[in-house]
């Protein structure tokens, strides 16, 4: 069985969209960190979708999921040990999921190519 086919990503576009959501300037000192997160996010999406052959274009929801994953990865630096600086209505601190794909998986599921274990 072969590995997943890579989608025709424009990692710079994913990074710029994440910068826009984060309201950061492309010249910000964290721009390189966001570019790295975008590279990782696109690789994670490729593995999750597991295409045998990549389509010619990326559907908008898949692109948006990669952008959201990039933002989430960037923000994880502010949550040491998975604990955010936020509190729920019950007064308990909010913890991040250990599965980085959890927030994007429902968006990506309709586009998943192969299901199962090899």
Protein backbone atom coordinates (compact mmCIF):
# COMPACT_ATOMS: atom_id res chain seq x y z
CA UNK A 1 0.00 0.00 0.00
CA UNK A 2 1.31 3.42 -0.87
CA UNK A 3 1.27 6.50 1.31
CA UNK A 4 -1.18 9.33 0.85
CA UNK A 5 -0.99 11.48 -2.25
CA UNK A 6 -0.13 15.10 -1.49
CA UNK A 7 -2.70 17.71 -2.42
CA UNK A 8 -1.51 20.67 -4.51
CA UNK A 9 -1.09 22.92 -1.47
CA UNK A 10 -0.05 26.53 -1.57
CA UNK A 11 1.44 26.60 1.93
CA UNK A 12 2.06 30.33 1.67
CA UNK A 13 -1.68 30.89 1.06
CA UNK A 14 -2.55 28.74 4.09
CA UNK A 15 -0.04 30.71 6.15
CA UNK A 16 -1.37 34.07 4.94
CA UNK A 17 -4.95 33.04 5.74
CA UNK A 18 -3.86 32.02 9.24
CA UNK A 19 -2.02 35.32 9.69
CA UNK A 20 -5.21 37.11 8.68
CA UNK A 21 -7.28 35.19 11.25
CA UNK A 22 -4.68 35.89 13.93
CA UNK A 23 -4.53 39.54 12.84
CA UNK A 24 -0.76 39.39 12.53
CA UNK A 25 1.33 41.24 9.99
CA UNK A 26 3.31 39.05 7.55
CA UNK A 27 6.44 40.78 8.87
CA UNK A 28 5.65 39.73 12.46
CA UNK A 29 8.33 37.79 14.29
CA UNK A 30 5.97 34.79 14.54
CA UNK A 31 5.34 34.62 10.78
CA UNK A 32 7.98 31.89 10.39
CA UNK A 33 6.37 29.87 13.17
CA UNK A 34 3.02 30.15 11.42
CA UNK A 35 4.56 29.06 8.11
CA UNK A 36 5.98 26.02 9.89
CA UNK A 37 2.57 25.29 11.42
CA UNK A 38 0.98 25.60 7.96
CA UNK A 39 3.47 23.11 6.54
CA UNK A 40 2.70 20.66 9.35
CA UNK A 41 -1.06 21.25 9.01
CA UNK A 42 -1.08 20.49 5.29
CA UNK A 43 0.93 17.30 5.89
CA UNK A 44 -1.50 16.22 8.62
CA UNK A 45 -4.48 16.87 6.34
CA UNK A 46 -2.84 14.85 3.54
CA UNK A 47 -2.32 11.91 5.90
CA UNK A 48 -5.85 12.19 7.32
CA UNK A 49 -7.54 12.31 3.89
CA UNK A 50 -5.32 9.50 2.59
CA UNK A 51 -5.96 10.08 -1.13
CA UNK A 52 -4.67 7.43 -3.52
CA UNK A 53 -4.38 10.10 -6.20
CA UNK A 54 -4.61 13.78 -5.39
CA UNK A 55 -7.38 15.83 -6.99
CA UNK A 56 -6.44 18.76 -9.23
CA UNK A 57 -7.76 21.35 -6.79
CA UNK A 58 -8.39 21.61 -3.07
CA UNK A 59 -12.02 21.96 -1.97
CA UNK A 60 -12.65 25.12 0.06
CA UNK A 61 -13.64 23.25 3.27
CA UNK A 62 -10.38 21.26 3.13
CA UNK A 63 -8.36 24.47 2.69
CA UNK A 64 -10.28 26.08 5.57
CA UNK A 65 -9.63 23.05 7.79
CA UNK A 66 -5.90 23.35 7.09
CA UNK A 67 -6.01 27.05 7.99
CA UNK A 68 -7.90 26.33 11.23
CA UNK A 69 -5.43 23.57 12.07
CA UNK A 70 -2.57 26.01 11.47
CA UNK A 71 -4.12 28.54 13.85
CA UNK A 72 -4.74 25.88 16.48
CA UNK A 73 -1.16 24.64 16.28
CA UNK A 74 0.13 28.19 16.64
CA UNK A 75 -2.08 28.88 19.65
CA UNK A 76 -1.03 25.68 21.43
CA UNK A 77 2.20 27.44 22.42
CA UNK A 78 0.09 29.50 24.83
CA UNK A 79 -1.34 26.41 26.55
CA UNK A 80 1.46 24.61 28.39
CA UNK A 81 0.53 21.04 29.24
CA UNK A 82 -2.77 21.53 27.41
CA UNK A 83 -4.23 23.99 29.91
CA UNK A 84 -5.50 27.25 28.44
CA UNK A 85 -5.75 30.52 30.31
CA UNK A 86 -9.55 30.28 29.99
CA UNK A 87 -12.25 29.13 32.35
CA UNK A 88 -15.55 27.38 31.76
CA UNK A 89 -18.87 28.43 33.24
CA UNK A 90 -18.34 25.98 36.09
CA UNK A 91 -14.99 27.57 36.99
CA UNK A 92 -12.87 24.72 35.67
CA UNK A 93 -9.94 25.50 33.38
CA UNK A 94 -10.34 24.58 29.73
CA UNK A 95 -8.00 21.89 28.43
CA UNK A 96 -6.97 21.30 24.84
CA UNK A 97 -7.60 17.94 23.25
CA UNK A 98 -4.50 15.80 22.84
CA UNK A 99 -5.72 15.00 19.31
CA UNK A 100 -4.75 18.02 17.21
CA UNK A 101 -7.03 16.82 14.37
CA UNK A 102 -10.16 16.63 16.56
CA UNK A 103 -11.43 20.07 15.58
CA UNK A 104 -10.90 19.51 11.85
CA UNK A 105 -11.89 15.88 11.43
CA UNK A 106 -15.64 16.48 11.04
CA UNK A 107 -14.94 18.98 8.25
CA UNK A 108 -12.52 16.62 6.52
CA UNK A 109 -14.50 13.37 6.85
CA UNK A 110 -16.64 13.87 3.70
CA UNK A 111 -13.43 14.16 1.65
CA UNK A 112 -11.61 11.17 3.15
CA UNK A 113 -10.53 8.75 0.47
CA UNK A 114 -9.54 5.48 2.11
CA UNK A 115 -10.97 4.07 5.32
CA UNK A 116 -9.53 1.21 7.26
CA UNK A 117 -6.26 -0.28 8.36
CA UNK A 118 -3.64 -1.83 6.14
